[in-house]
PDB file of N, CA and C in Angstrom:
ATOM      1  N   MET A   1     -51.332  41.955  46.443  1.00  0.00           N
ATOM      2  CA  MET A   1     -50.883  41.398  45.014  1.00  0.00           C
ATOM      3  C   MET A   1     -51.091  39.940  44.727  1.00  0.00           C
ATOM      4  N   SER A   2     -51.284  38.999  45.847  1.00  0.00           N
ATOM      5  CA  SER A   2     -51.451  37.951  45.681  1.00  0.00           C
ATOM      6  C   SER A   2     -52.751  37.335  45.411  1.00  0.00           C
ATOM      7  N   MET A   3     -53.687  38.088  45.948  1.00  0.00           N
ATOM      8  CA  MET A   3     -55.161  37.769  45.585  1.00  0.00           C
ATOM      9  C   MET A   3     -55.842  38.363  44.100  1.00  0.00           C
ATOM     10  N   LEU A   4     -54.661  38.769  43.297  1.00  0.00           N
ATOM     11  CA  LEU A   4     -55.185  39.173  42.237  1.00  0.00           C
ATOM     12  C   LEU A   4     -55.507  37.637  41.213  1.00  0.00           C
ATOM     13  N   PRO A   5     -54.740  36.902  41.359  1.00  0.00           N
ATOM     14  CA  PRO A   5     -55.294  35.851  40.341  1.00  0.00           C
ATOM     15  C   PRO A   5     -56.529  35.239  40.866  1.00  0.00           C
ATOM     16  N   ASN A   6     -57.219  35.111  42.108  1.00  0.00           N
ATOM     17  CA  ASN A   6     -58.249  34.961  42.463  1.00  0.00           C
ATOM     18  C   ASN A   6     -59.466  35.879  41.775  1.00  0.00           C
ATOM     19  N   TYR A   7     -59.248  36.868  41.381  1.00  0.00           N
ATOM     20  CA  TYR A   7     -60.164  37.813  40.910  1.00  0.00           C
ATOM     21  C   TYR A   7     -60.060  37.655  39.571  1.00  0.00           C
ATOM     22  N   ILE A   8     -58.901  37.310  38.742  1.00  0.00           N
ATOM     23  CA  ILE A   8     -58.898  36.918  37.384  1.00  0.00           C
ATOM     24  C   ILE A   8     -59.204  35.737  36.972  1.00  0.00           C
ATOM     25  N   LEU A   9     -59.158  34.559  37.845  1.00  0.00           N
ATOM     26  CA  LEU A   9     -59.785  33.405  37.608  1.00  0.00           C
ATOM     27  C   LEU A   9     -61.438  33.355  37.599  1.00  0.00           C
ATOM     28  N   THR A  10     -61.933  34.062  38.649  1.00  0.00           N
ATOM     29  CA  THR A  10     -62.949  34.271  38.795  1.00  0.00           C
ATOM     30  C   THR A  10     -64.076  34.899  37.509  1.00  0.00           C
ATOM     31  N   PHE A  11     -63.148  36.033  37.169  1.00  0.00           N
ATOM     32  CA  PHE A  11     -63.846  36.735  36.035  1.00  0.00           C
ATOM     33  C   PHE A  11     -63.826  35.811  34.755  1.00  0.00           C
ATOM     34  N   ILE A  12     -62.776  35.048  34.596  1.00  0.00           N
ATOM     35  CA  ILE A  12     -62.629  34.414  33.196  1.00  0.00           C
ATOM     36  C   ILE A  12     -63.463  33.077  33.482  1.00  0.00           C
ATOM     37  N   ILE A  13     -63.727  32.534  34.551  1.00  0.00           N
ATOM     38  CA  ILE A  13     -64.579  31.504  34.812  1.00  0.00           C
ATOM     39  C   ILE A  13     -66.018  31.747  34.684  1.00  0.00           C
ATOM     40  N   ALA A  14     -66.545  32.885  35.142  1.00  0.00           N
ATOM     41  CA  ALA A  14     -67.662  33.402  35.167  1.00  0.00           C
ATOM     42  C   ALA A  14     -68.268  33.584  33.740  1.00  0.00           C
ATOM     43  N   ILE A  15     -67.293  34.366  33.007  1.00  0.00           N
ATOM     44  CA  ILE A  15     -67.646  34.553  31.602  1.00  0.00           C
ATOM     45  C   ILE A  15     -67.814  33.197  30.713  1.00  0.00           C
ATOM     46  N   PHE A  16     -66.830  32.608  31.116  1.00  0.00           N
ATOM     47  CA  PHE A  16     -67.005  30.987  30.244  1.00  0.00           C
ATOM     48  C   PHE A  16     -68.228  30.426  30.884  1.00  0.00           C
ATOM     49  N   LEU A  17     -68.769  30.186  32.138  1.00  0.00           N
ATOM     50  CA  LEU A  17     -69.905  29.654  32.370  1.00  0.00           C
ATOM     51  C   LEU A  17     -71.147  30.033  31.522  1.00  0.00           C
ATOM     52  N   ILE A  18     -71.106  31.579  31.846  1.00  0.00           N
ATOM     53  CA  ILE A  18     -72.334  32.609  31.319  1.00  0.00           C
ATOM     54  C   ILE A  18     -72.117  32.096  29.533  1.00  0.00           C
ATOM     55  N   TYR A  19     -71.077  32.012  29.085  1.00  0.00           N
ATOM     56  CA  TYR A  19     -71.053  31.851  27.575  1.00  0.00           C
ATOM     57  C   TYR A  19     -71.755  30.396  26.993  1.00  0.00           C
ATOM     58  N   SER A  20     -71.221  29.383  28.172  1.00  0.00           N
ATOM     59  CA  SER A  20     -71.644  28.005  27.841  1.00  0.00           C
ATOM     60  C   SER A  20     -73.088  28.094  28.000  1.00  0.00           C
ATOM     61  N   TYR A  21     -73.590  28.757  29.009  1.00  0.00           N
ATOM     62  CA  TYR A  21     -75.097  28.427  29.129  1.00  0.00           C
ATOM     63  C   TYR A  21     -75.678  29.347  28.203  1.00  0.00           C
ATOM     64  N   ILE A  22     -75.363  30.312  27.500  1.00  0.00           N
ATOM     65  CA  ILE A  22     -75.907  30.903  26.489  1.00  0.00           C
ATOM     66  C   ILE A  22     -76.157  29.891  25.185  1.00  0.00           C
ATOM     67  N   ASN A  23     -74.786  29.626  24.908  1.00  0.00           N
ATOM     68  CA  ASN A  23     -74.649  28.463  23.799  1.00  0.00           C
ATOM     69  C   ASN A  23     -75.717  27.263  23.850  1.00  0.00           C
ATOM     70  N   ILE A  24     -75.852  26.574  24.961  1.00  0.00           N
ATOM     71  CA  ILE A  24     -76.833  25.453  25.038  1.00  0.00           C
ATOM     72  C   ILE A  24     -77.877  25.855  25.418  1.00  0.00           C
ATOM     73  N   LYS A  25     -78.389  26.408  26.540  1.00  0.00           N
ATOM     74  CA  LYS A  25     -79.738  26.720  26.755  1.00  0.00           C
ATOM     75  C   LYS A  25     -80.578  27.616  25.700  1.00  0.00           C
ATOM     76  N   VAL A  26     -79.918  28.975  25.445  1.00  0.00           N
ATOM     77  CA  VAL A  26     -80.455  29.872  24.853  1.00  0.00           C
ATOM     78  C   VAL A  26     -80.382  29.526  23.369  1.00  0.00           C
ATOM     79  N   GLU A  27     -79.253  29.590  22.554  1.00  0.00           N
ATOM     80  CA  GLU A  27     -78.942  28.847  21.045  1.00  0.00           C
ATOM     81  C   GLU A  27     -79.223  27.732  20.886  1.00  0.00           C
ATOM     82  N   LYS A  28     -79.299  26.582  21.879  1.00  0.00           N
ATOM     83  CA  LYS A  28     -79.755  25.205  21.516  1.00  0.00           C
ATOM     84  C   LYS A  28     -78.511  24.883  20.727  1.00  0.00           C
ATOM     85  N   ALA A  29     -76.983  25.118  21.031  1.00  0.00           N
ATOM     86  CA  ALA A  29     -76.417  24.704  20.349  1.00  0.00           C
ATOM     87  C   ALA A  29     -75.732  23.219  20.672  1.00  0.00           C
ATOM     88  N   LYS A  30     -75.317  22.553  19.537  1.00  0.00           N
ATOM     89  CA  LYS A  30     -74.944  21.000  19.762  1.00  0.00           C
ATOM     90  C   LYS A  30     -73.567  20.855  19.947  1.00  0.00           C
ATOM     91  N   VAL A  31     -73.446  20.083  21.138  1.00  0.00           N
ATOM     92  CA  VAL A  31     -71.565  19.735  21.833  1.00  0.00           C
ATOM     93  C   VAL A  31     -71.456  18.309  20.799  1.00  0.00           C
ATOM     94  N   SER A  32     -70.406  18.821  20.324  1.00  0.00           N
ATOM     95  CA  SER A  32     -69.728  17.185  19.807  1.00  0.00           C
ATOM     96  C   SER A  32     -69.021  16.149  20.822  1.00  0.00           C
ATOM     97  N   ASN A  33     -68.851  16.804  21.734  1.00  0.00           N
ATOM     98  CA  ASN A  33     -68.511  15.868  23.025  1.00  0.00           C
ATOM     99  C   ASN A  33     -68.598  16.148  24.259  1.00  0.00           C
ATOM    100  N   GLY A  34     -70.162  15.948  24.672  1.00  0.00           N
ATOM    101  CA  GLY A  34     -70.803  16.257  25.747  1.00  0.00           C
ATOM    102  C   GLY A  34     -70.115  15.854  27.086  1.00  0.00           C
ATOM    103  N   CYS A  35     -69.384  14.609  27.055  1.00  0.00           N
ATOM    104  CA  CYS A  35     -68.883  14.227  28.214  1.00  0.00           C
ATOM    105  C   CYS A  35     -67.521  15.251  28.737  1.00  0.00           C
ATOM    106  N   LEU A  36     -66.599  15.493  27.684  1.00  0.00           N
ATOM    107  CA  LEU A  36     -65.729  16.374  27.772  1.00  0.00           C
ATOM    108  C   LEU A  36     -66.220  17.658  28.162  1.00  0.00           C
ATOM    109  N   TYR A  37     -67.257  18.240  27.640  1.00  0.00           N
ATOM    110  CA  TYR A  37     -67.854  19.610  27.892  1.00  0.00           C
ATOM    111  C   TYR A  37     -68.503  19.439  29.470  1.00  0.00           C
ATOM    112  N   GLY A  38     -68.734  18.292  29.893  1.00  0.00           N
ATOM    113  CA  GLY A  38     -69.467  18.432  31.054  1.00  0.00           C
ATOM    114  C   GLY A  38     -68.423  18.663  32.185  1.00  0.00           C
ATOM    115  N   ILE A  39     -67.111  17.711  31.726  1.00  0.00           N
ATOM    116  CA  ILE A  39     -66.122  17.569  32.853  1.00  0.00           C
ATOM    117  C   ILE A  39     -65.675  19.113  32.822  1.00  0.00           C
ATOM    118  N   GLY A  40     -65.561  19.841  31.746  1.00  0.00           N
ATOM    119  CA  GLY A  40     -65.007  21.037  31.609  1.00  0.00           C
ATOM    120  C   GLY A  40     -65.850  21.958  32.583  1.00  0.00           C
ATOM    121  N   ILE A  41     -67.199  21.881  32.222  1.00  0.00           N
ATOM    122  CA  ILE A  41     -67.914  22.745  33.228  1.00  0.00           C
ATOM    123  C   ILE A  41     -67.862  22.118  34.963  1.00  0.00           C
ATOM    124  N   VAL A  42     -67.892  21.369  34.901  1.00  0.00           N
ATOM    125  CA  VAL A  42     -67.722  20.835  36.486  1.00  0.00           C
ATOM    126  C   VAL A  42     -66.320  21.159  36.979  1.00  0.00           C
ATOM    127  N   VAL A  43     -65.101  21.561  36.446  1.00  0.00           N
ATOM    128  CA  VAL A  43     -63.987  21.932  36.670  1.00  0.00           C
ATOM    129  C   VAL A  43     -64.031  23.324  37.059  1.00  0.00           C
ATOM    130  N   ALA A  44     -64.701  23.785  35.933  1.00  0.00           N
ATOM    131  CA  ALA A  44     -64.922  25.256  35.918  1.00  0.00           C
ATOM    132  C   ALA A  44     -65.672  25.786  37.162  1.00  0.00           C
ATOM    133  N   VAL A  45     -66.780  24.987  37.792  1.00  0.00           N
ATOM    134  CA  VAL A  45     -67.316  25.539  39.104  1.00  0.00           C
ATOM    135  C   VAL A  45     -66.651  25.349  40.102  1.00  0.00           C
ATOM    136  N   LEU A  46     -65.826  24.222  39.812  1.00  0.00           N
ATOM    137  CA  LEU A  46     -65.085  23.765  41.182  1.00  0.00           C
ATOM    138  C   LEU A  46     -63.979  25.190  41.090  1.00  0.00           C
ATOM    139  N   LEU A  47     -63.585  25.496  40.079  1.00  0.00           N
ATOM    140  CA  LEU A  47     -62.388  26.538  40.336  1.00  0.00           C
ATOM    141  C   LEU A  47     -63.076  27.924  40.775  1.00  0.00           C
ATOM    142  N   LEU A  48     -64.384  27.968  40.405  1.00  0.00           N
ATOM    143  CA  LEU A  48     -64.988  29.311  40.715  1.00  0.00           C
ATOM    144  C   LEU A  48     -65.213  29.140  42.303  1.00  0.00           C
ATOM    145  N   GLY A  49     -65.457  28.193  43.041  1.00  0.00           N
ATOM    146  CA  GLY A  49     -65.871  27.864  44.192  1.00  0.00           C
ATOM    147  C   GLY A  49     -64.842  28.263  45.004  1.00  0.00           C
ATOM    148  N   MET A  50     -63.480  27.788  44.373  1.00  0.00           N
ATOM    149  CA  MET A  50     -62.162  28.057  45.282  1.00  0.00           C
ATOM    150  C   MET A  50     -61.813  29.366  45.106  1.00  0.00           C
ATOM    151  N   SER A  51     -62.045  30.037  43.960  1.00  0.00           N
ATOM    152  CA  SER A  51     -61.765  31.645  43.706  1.00  0.00           C
ATOM    153  C   SER A  51     -62.633  32.336  44.755  1.00  0.00           C
ATOM    154  N   ILE A  52     -63.877  32.139  44.738  1.00  0.00           N
ATOM    155  CA  ILE A  52     -64.927  32.942  45.810  1.00  0.00           C
ATOM    156  C   ILE A  52     -64.402  32.638  46.959  1.00  0.00           C
ATOM    157  N   TYR A  53     -63.955  31.192  47.596  1.00  0.00           N
ATOM    158  CA  TYR A  53     -63.697  31.067  48.853  1.00  0.00           C
ATOM    159  C   TYR A  53     -62.116  31.867  49.277  1.00  0.00           C
ATOM    160  N   GLY A  54     -61.444  31.855  48.280  1.00  0.00           N
ATOM    161  CA  GLY A  54     -60.113  32.490  48.782  1.00  0.00           C
ATOM    162  C   GLY A  54     -60.428  34.259  48.788  1.00  0.00           C
ATOM    163  N   ILE A  55     -61.414  34.714  47.837  1.00  0.00           N
ATOM    164  CA  ILE A  55     -61.644  36.068  47.644  1.00  0.00           C
ATOM    165  C   ILE A  55     -62.717  36.329  49.151  1.00  0.00           C
ATOM    166  N   ILE A  56     -63.472  35.636  49.843  1.00  0.00           N
ATOM    167  CA  ILE A  56     -64.264  35.719  50.675  1.00  0.00           C
ATOM    168  C   ILE A  56     -63.248  35.803  51.858  1.00  0.00           C
ATOM    169  N   PHE A  57     -62.414  34.845  52.137  1.00  0.00           N
ATOM    170  CA  PHE A  57     -61.467  34.774  53.392  1.00  0.00           C
ATOM    171  C   PHE A  57     -60.189  35.494  53.241  1.00  0.00           C
ATOM    172  N   ASN A  58     -59.739  36.077  52.239  1.00  0.00           N
ATOM    173  CA  ASN A  58     -58.629  36.731  51.710  1.00  0.00           C
ATOM    174  C   ASN A  58     -57.816  35.781  51.768  1.00  0.00           C
ATOM    175  N   ILE A  59     -57.638  34.616  51.135  1.00  0.00           N
ATOM    176  CA  ILE A  59     -56.757  33.659  51.172  1.00  0.00           C
ATOM    177  C   ILE A  59     -56.341  33.433  49.558  1.00  0.00           C
ATOM    178  N   PRO A  60     -54.806  33.620  49.432  1.00  0.00           N
ATOM    179  CA  PRO A  60     -54.212  33.109  48.003  1.00  0.00           C
ATOM    180  C   PRO A  60     -54.763  31.835  47.473  1.00  0.00           C
ATOM    181  N   LEU A  61     -55.077  31.512  46.082  1.00  0.00           N
ATOM    182  CA  LEU A  61     -55.403  30.377  45.513  1.00  0.00           C
ATOM    183  C   LEU A  61     -54.468  29.094  46.053  1.00  0.00           C
ATOM    184  N   GLY A  62     -53.470  29.295  46.028  1.00  0.00           N
ATOM    185  CA  GLY A  62     -52.577  28.267  46.456  1.00  0.00           C
ATOM    186  C   GLY A  62     -52.695  27.770  47.736  1.00  0.00           C
ATOM    187  N   GLN A  63     -53.340  28.733  48.697  1.00  0.00           N
ATOM    188  CA  GLN A  63     -53.647  28.040  50.118  1.00  0.00           C
ATOM    189  C   GLN A  63     -54.862  27.374  49.974  1.00  0.00           C
ATOM    190  N   VAL A  64     -55.856  27.812  49.540  1.00  0.00           N
ATOM    191  CA  VAL A  64     -57.164  27.405  49.261  1.00  0.00           C
ATOM    192  C   VAL A  64     -56.897  25.839  48.829  1.00  0.00           C
ATOM    193  N   GLN A  65     -56.164  25.598  47.573  1.00  0.00           N
ATOM    194  CA  GLN A  65     -55.989  24.283  46.946  1.00  0.00           C
ATOM    195  C   GLN A  65     -54.904  23.377  48.281  1.00  0.00           C
ATOM    196  N   MET A  66     -54.177  24.116  49.057  1.00  0.00           N
ATOM    197  CA  MET A  66     -53.533  23.338  50.356  1.00  0.00           C
ATOM    198  C   MET A  66     -54.684  22.980  51.304  1.00  0.00           C
ATOM    199  N   LEU A  67     -55.850  23.726  51.666  1.00  0.00           N
ATOM    200  CA  LEU A  67     -56.431  23.440  52.505  1.00  0.00           C
ATOM    201  C   LEU A  67     -57.297  22.264  52.087  1.00  0.00           C
ATOM    202  N   ILE A  68     -57.556  22.161  50.956  1.00  0.00           N
ATOM    203  CA  ILE A  68     -58.513  21.002  50.270  1.00  0.00           C
ATOM    204  C   ILE A  68     -57.917  19.911  50.156  1.00  0.00           C
ATOM    205  N   GLU A  69     -56.752  19.914  49.946  1.00  0.00           N
ATOM    206  CA  GLU A  69     -55.638  18.689  49.981  1.00  0.00           C
ATOM    207  C   GLU A  69     -55.695  18.380  51.277  1.00  0.00           C
ATOM    208  N   ASN A  70     -55.332  19.056  52.265  1.00  0.00           N
ATOM    209  CA  ASN A  70     -55.296  18.629  53.723  1.00  0.00           C
ATOM    210  C   ASN A  70     -56.389  17.877  54.283  1.00  0.00           C
ATOM    211  N   SER A  71     -57.785  18.403  53.643  1.00  0.00           N
ATOM    212  CA  SER A  71     -58.661  17.884  54.355  1.00  0.00           C
ATOM    213  C   SER A  71     -59.213  16.307  53.965  1.00  0.00           C
ATOM    214  N   PHE A  72     -58.511  16.143  52.673  1.00  0.00           N
ATOM    215  CA  PHE A  72     -58.589  14.564  52.521  1.00  0.00           C
ATOM    216  C   PHE A  72     -57.448  13.571  53.132  1.00  0.00           C
ATOM    217  N   ARG A  73     -56.633  13.913  54.050  1.00  0.00           N
ATOM    218  CA  ARG A  73     -55.646  13.235  54.522  1.00  0.00           C
ATOM    219  C   ARG A  73     -55.867  12.522  55.916  1.00  0.00           C
TER     220      ARG A  73
END
């Protein structure tokens, strides 16, 4: 049950990134604030990486965050 947030977050972020790619590249939509949108994309990619890491190594998302925080100490 503790792995369920990893799967949910991975699904939501993957949908967001696919939607963003389609809007910007395929439909050539204009973004009103490119800087904030870029930061949102970077955060989404980082969270997607954390979720996939947790899924591969069977670690809950909170422990993945703790591993990352401890690596900077």
